[in-house]
Protein backbone atom coordinates (compact mmCIF):
# COMPACT_ATOMS: atom_id res chain seq x y z
CA MET A 1 15.96 3.87 2.68
CA THR A 2 16.95 5.55 -0.95
CA GLU A 3 14.68 5.97 -3.81
CA ALA A 4 16.24 3.26 -5.88
CA GLU A 5 16.26 1.12 -3.11
CA ALA A 6 12.62 1.55 -2.34
CA LYS A 7 11.90 0.71 -6.40
CA ARG A 8 13.79 -2.51 -5.90
CA PHE A 9 11.70 -3.55 -2.79
CA TYR A 10 8.52 -2.61 -4.65
CA ARG A 11 9.59 -4.91 -7.55
CA SER A 12 10.76 -7.67 -5.24
CA TRP A 13 8.64 -11.15 -4.79
CA THR A 14 8.44 -10.56 -1.37
CA TRP A 15 6.91 -7.81 -1.21
CA GLN A 16 4.20 -8.80 -4.47
CA ARG A 17 3.44 -11.51 -2.36
CA LYS A 18 2.70 -9.94 1.03
CA ARG A 19 1.30 -7.11 -1.20
CA ASP A 20 -1.23 -9.58 -2.51
CA GLU A 21 -1.69 -11.06 1.12
CA VAL A 22 -2.82 -7.53 2.26
CA LEU A 23 -5.44 -7.20 -0.90
CA ARG A 24 -6.87 -10.69 -0.19
CA HIS A 25 -7.13 -10.04 3.54
CA ASP A 26 -9.06 -6.85 2.54
CA LYS A 27 -11.14 -8.60 -0.01
CA HIS A 28 -9.65 -6.20 -2.49
CA GLU A 29 -11.70 -3.02 -1.00
CA CYS A 30 -10.75 -0.04 0.01
CA GLN A 31 -10.62 0.30 3.66
CA HIS A 32 -10.83 4.14 4.12
CA CYS A 33 -13.86 4.07 1.57
CA LYS A 34 -15.68 1.14 3.72
CA GLN A 35 -14.75 3.65 6.55
CA ARG A 36 -16.83 5.88 5.48
CA GLY A 37 -19.72 3.60 4.15
CA ARG A 38 -18.59 3.53 0.88
CA TYR A 39 -17.03 0.73 -1.94
CA ARG A 40 -14.53 1.50 -3.84
CA ARG A 41 -11.89 -1.06 -4.91
CA ALA A 42 -8.55 -1.25 -3.95
CA GLN A 43 -5.41 -1.06 -6.09
CA MET A 44 -2.70 -0.04 -3.48
CA VAL A 45 -1.01 -1.28 -0.31
CA HIS A 46 -0.17 1.60 1.76
CA HIS A 47 2.37 1.62 4.32
CA VAL A 48 1.10 3.72 7.10
CA LYS A 49 4.55 4.56 8.56
CA GLU A 50 6.57 5.62 5.78
CA LEU A 51 8.98 3.03 3.72
CA LYS A 52 11.73 5.32 3.59
CA LYS A 53 11.37 6.22 7.42
CA ARG A 54 10.83 3.29 8.63
CA PRO A 55 12.05 -0.47 6.08
CA ASP A 56 12.43 -2.29 9.08
CA LEU A 57 8.49 -2.44 8.89
CA ALA A 58 8.53 -2.90 5.24
CA LEU A 59 6.74 -6.54 5.92
CA ASP A 60 4.67 -5.83 8.99
CA THR A 61 0.72 -6.34 8.15
CA TRP A 62 0.39 -5.05 12.06
CA VAL A 63 2.44 -2.82 14.61
CA ASP A 64 1.51 -2.73 18.02
CA GLY A 65 -2.09 -3.94 17.79
CA VAL A 66 -2.57 -1.50 14.54
CA ARG A 67 -2.31 -1.85 10.89
CA GLN A 68 0.71 -0.87 9.02
CA LEU A 69 -0.02 -2.19 5.36
CA VAL A 70 -3.61 -0.93 4.36
CA SER A 71 -5.21 -1.84 1.09
CA LEU A 72 -6.55 1.81 -0.57
CA CYS A 73 -7.80 2.97 -3.77
CA ASN A 74 -5.80 5.55 -5.45
CA LYS A 75 -7.58 8.42 -4.45
CA CYS A 76 -7.40 7.89 -0.98
CA HIS A 77 -3.74 6.72 -1.42
CA GLU A 78 -3.60 10.16 -2.88
CA GLU A 79 -5.38 12.03 -0.37
CA VAL A 80 -3.02 10.20 2.32
CA HIS A 81 0.04 11.63 0.68
CA GLY A 82 -1.07 14.02 -1.78
CA ALA A 83 -1.42 14.29 -5.32
CA ALA A 84 2.14 15.04 -5.66
CA HIS A 85 3.19 11.58 -4.62
CA ALA A 86 0.97 9.73 -6.92
CA PRO A 87 3.16 7.79 -9.08
CA ARG A 88 2.85 8.33 -12.84
CA ILE A 89 3.86 5.06 -13.89
CA PRO A 90 2.89 2.36 -11.13
CA LEU A 91 5.79 0.42 -9.81
CA THR A 92 3.88 -2.63 -10.53
CA PRO A 93 1.80 -3.75 -12.89
CA GLU A 94 -2.19 -4.72 -11.92
CA ARG A 95 -3.38 -7.84 -13.14
CA TRP A 96 -7.00 -8.50 -12.29
């Protein structure tokens, strides 16, 4: 998947609906922080298997009994990908 295709995907209605579903399922809580006994509001839905490498799993919440889409706060998302991966401008507008 190219960068342009990924941007188009993240802007799609289908992704927005799936993203909202995952955030609601996780009660808008960062799942990595929760595992550490902390609470932080999740702003991102992370693809465990990277979208560009596995576009076939783009909308799958579970893969072989393991979460593929996980709610994360910005800090944990940056830790997972590294600060260089963090978007300077959000791909999607957050509306609380």
